[in-house]
Amino acid sequence: MELMMEELCPNLREHDLARLVDFGHTFGPVMETASEYRIAHGESVAVDMALSTELARVLGLISTAECERIVALIGALGLPVYDAATCTPELMRHALTASWERRGRRLHLVVPVGVGSAVFVDDLDDIPAGALDEALRRLRVRRGWSRPRGGAAHATAPRP
């Protein structure tokens, strides 16, 4: 909470829209609306975090091991990492465009580059054609998933 306050207090009027606390808030709003709010806010944030992390891996910004660690942690908390009904390439591209427009034509997509550190992807052109599709595919085919409710996939921690 203290770190969040350190980031947000100097920017109360949101003059700077590049905020680390927005990790998980780029794809999520479109997912919630498209699901007619079947997906709760916290679940959409979790899926968004998993997708942003997987996208960072596809873009070469995070190692496979750290990506797996982050996504497995989300799943270990009982949160979904993928939703088949809303995690379509078309809808997720729409989410990127909507965020880009809402954030003053800057994407400000928070992507982890390691556990506890992140960077911003600011331009839509920084996400090559096919990168989002590949990130979605990797989440969809992740091994060890269970589907306990509503079609949302939950990652499980790797077994020793």
Protein backbone atom coordinates (compact mmCIF):
# COMPACT_ATOMS: atom_id res chain seq x y z
CA MET A 1 0.00 0.00 0.00
CA GLU A 2 2.84 2.36 0.84
CA LEU A 3 4.45 1.82 -2.58
CA MET A 4 1.13 2.45 -4.30
CA MET A 5 0.70 5.70 -2.39
CA GLU A 6 4.25 6.76 -3.31
CA GLU A 7 3.38 6.35 -6.98
CA LEU A 8 -0.13 7.83 -6.92
CA CYS A 9 0.09 10.77 -4.48
CA PRO A 10 2.27 13.02 -6.68
CA ASN A 11 -0.12 12.31 -9.57
CA LEU A 12 -3.56 12.73 -7.98
CA ARG A 13 -4.93 14.62 -10.97
CA GLU A 14 -3.58 11.94 -13.33
CA HIS A 15 -1.41 14.22 -15.44
CA ASP A 16 0.85 11.23 -16.04
CA LEU A 17 -1.11 8.20 -17.28
CA ALA A 18 1.89 5.85 -17.20
CA ARG A 19 1.33 4.18 -13.83
CA LEU A 20 2.66 0.84 -12.65
CA VAL A 21 -0.50 0.30 -10.60
CA ASP A 22 -2.37 -0.03 -13.90
CA PHE A 23 -0.80 -3.49 -14.38
CA GLY A 24 -3.83 -5.62 -15.20
CA HIS A 25 -6.02 -2.73 -16.38
CA THR A 26 -5.54 -2.67 -20.15
CA PHE A 27 -7.41 -5.73 -21.44
CA GLY A 28 -9.64 -6.22 -18.39
CA PRO A 29 -12.24 -3.48 -18.90
CA VAL A 30 -13.12 -4.80 -22.37
CA MET A 31 -13.27 -8.38 -21.04
CA GLU A 32 -15.68 -7.37 -18.27
CA THR A 33 -17.99 -5.54 -20.67
CA ALA A 34 -17.88 -8.27 -23.33
CA SER A 35 -18.73 -10.92 -20.73
CA GLU A 36 -21.68 -8.84 -19.55
CA TYR A 37 -19.91 -8.78 -16.17
CA ARG A 38 -19.82 -12.58 -15.83
CA ILE A 39 -16.12 -11.96 -15.25
CA ALA A 40 -15.59 -10.08 -12.00
CA HIS A 41 -13.18 -7.15 -11.93
CA GLY A 42 -10.54 -9.03 -9.94
CA GLU A 43 -10.69 -11.96 -12.34
CA SER A 44 -10.31 -9.70 -15.38
CA VAL A 45 -7.30 -8.06 -13.73
CA ALA A 46 -5.76 -11.51 -13.18
CA VAL A 47 -6.31 -12.55 -16.81
CA ASP A 48 -4.96 -9.18 -17.97
CA MET A 49 -1.84 -9.64 -15.82
CA ALA A 50 -1.28 -13.13 -17.24
CA LEU A 51 -1.77 -11.89 -20.81
CA SER A 52 0.51 -8.87 -20.30
CA THR A 53 3.17 -11.17 -18.83
CA GLU A 54 2.87 -13.67 -21.67
CA LEU A 55 3.02 -10.79 -24.17
CA ALA A 56 6.22 -9.59 -22.47
CA ARG A 57 7.68 -13.07 -23.03
CA VAL A 58 6.69 -13.04 -26.72
CA LEU A 59 8.29 -9.58 -27.08
CA GLY A 60 11.48 -10.85 -25.42
CA LEU A 61 11.15 -8.60 -22.38
CA ILE A 62 10.96 -11.32 -19.71
CA SER A 63 12.48 -14.78 -19.42
CA THR A 64 10.38 -17.88 -19.84
CA ALA A 65 11.13 -18.92 -16.25
CA GLU A 66 9.96 -15.61 -14.77
CA CYS A 67 6.89 -15.54 -17.01
CA GLU A 68 5.96 -19.05 -15.87
CA ARG A 69 6.54 -18.07 -12.24
CA ILE A 70 4.22 -15.04 -12.46
CA VAL A 71 1.44 -16.84 -14.33
CA ALA A 72 1.66 -19.87 -12.01
CA LEU A 73 1.39 -17.57 -8.98
CA ILE A 74 -1.79 -16.01 -10.37
CA GLY A 75 -3.24 -19.49 -10.82
CA ALA A 76 -2.04 -20.67 -7.41
CA LEU A 77 -4.10 -17.85 -5.90
CA GLY A 78 -7.17 -19.43 -7.50
CA LEU A 79 -7.48 -16.71 -10.12
CA PRO A 80 -8.06 -17.31 -13.82
CA VAL A 81 -5.33 -16.69 -16.38
CA TYR A 82 -7.46 -17.06 -19.53
CA ASP A 83 -11.10 -16.82 -20.53
CA ALA A 84 -12.01 -18.59 -23.77
CA ALA A 85 -15.09 -16.47 -24.39
CA THR A 86 -13.34 -13.10 -24.20
CA CYS A 87 -9.67 -13.79 -24.92
CA THR A 88 -10.07 -13.61 -28.67
CA PRO A 89 -7.48 -11.87 -30.85
CA GLU A 90 -10.11 -9.47 -32.17
CA LEU A 91 -11.43 -8.46 -28.76
CA MET A 92 -7.97 -8.13 -27.22
CA ARG A 93 -6.80 -5.96 -30.17
CA HIS A 94 -9.89 -3.82 -29.58
CA ALA A 95 -8.88 -3.55 -25.90
CA LEU A 96 -5.42 -2.31 -26.88
CA THR A 97 -6.88 0.30 -29.23
CA ALA A 98 -9.45 1.43 -26.65
CA SER A 99 -6.73 1.83 -23.99
CA TRP A 100 -4.50 3.69 -26.45
CA GLU A 101 -7.31 6.13 -27.23
CA ARG A 102 -8.37 6.53 -23.59
CA ARG A 103 -4.79 7.18 -22.49
CA GLY A 104 -4.11 10.05 -24.87
CA ARG A 105 -2.89 7.95 -27.80
CA ARG A 106 -0.24 6.30 -25.64
CA LEU A 107 -0.75 2.68 -24.71
CA HIS A 108 1.02 2.69 -21.32
CA LEU A 109 0.71 -1.12 -21.24
CA VAL A 110 2.51 -2.30 -18.10
CA VAL A 111 4.53 -5.44 -18.81
CA PRO A 112 6.81 -7.18 -16.32
CA VAL A 113 10.48 -7.55 -17.20
CA GLY A 114 11.16 -9.59 -14.07
CA VAL A 115 9.53 -10.37 -10.78
CA GLY A 116 8.94 -6.99 -9.16
CA SER A 117 9.93 -4.81 -12.13
CA ALA A 118 8.11 -3.60 -15.22
CA VAL A 119 8.29 -1.31 -18.23
CA PHE A 120 5.69 0.40 -20.39
CA VAL A 121 4.86 -0.45 -23.98
CA ASP A 122 3.61 2.91 -25.19
CA ASP A 123 2.91 2.58 -28.90
CA LEU A 124 0.61 0.13 -30.66
CA ASP A 125 3.37 -0.31 -33.26
CA ASP A 126 5.62 -1.72 -30.51
CA ILE A 127 3.43 -4.84 -30.55
CA PRO A 128 4.24 -6.59 -33.85
CA ALA A 129 1.57 -8.34 -35.86
CA GLY A 130 1.00 -11.76 -34.39
CA ALA A 131 2.59 -11.08 -30.98
CA LEU A 132 -0.76 -10.72 -29.24
CA ASP A 133 -2.10 -13.81 -31.05
CA GLU A 134 0.95 -15.80 -29.92
CA ALA A 135 0.59 -14.65 -26.31
CA LEU A 136 -3.09 -15.69 -26.33
CA ARG A 137 -2.20 -19.05 -27.91
CA ARG A 138 0.43 -19.72 -25.24
CA LEU A 139 -2.05 -18.99 -22.46
CA ARG A 140 -4.70 -21.14 -24.12
CA VAL A 141 -2.47 -24.20 -24.42
CA ARG A 142 -0.70 -23.87 -21.07
CA ARG A 143 -0.33 -27.28 -19.47
CA GLY A 144 -1.83 -28.08 -16.08
CA TRP A 145 -4.99 -26.02 -16.44
CA SER A 146 -8.27 -26.89 -14.87
CA ARG A 147 -11.61 -25.33 -15.77
CA PRO A 148 -13.59 -25.22 -12.52
CA ARG A 149 -16.07 -22.50 -13.54
CA GLY A 150 -17.29 -20.37 -16.38
CA GLY A 151 -14.69 -21.49 -18.91
CA ALA A 152 -11.90 -19.52 -17.23
CA ALA A 153 -8.63 -21.42 -17.15
CA HIS A 154 -6.66 -21.52 -13.92
CA ALA A 155 -2.93 -22.16 -14.10
CA THR A 156 -1.48 -24.57 -11.61
CA ALA A 157 1.99 -24.41 -10.19
CA PRO A 158 4.44 -26.79 -11.85
CA ARG A 159 4.84 -30.07 -10.02
CA PRO A 160 8.33 -30.90 -8.66
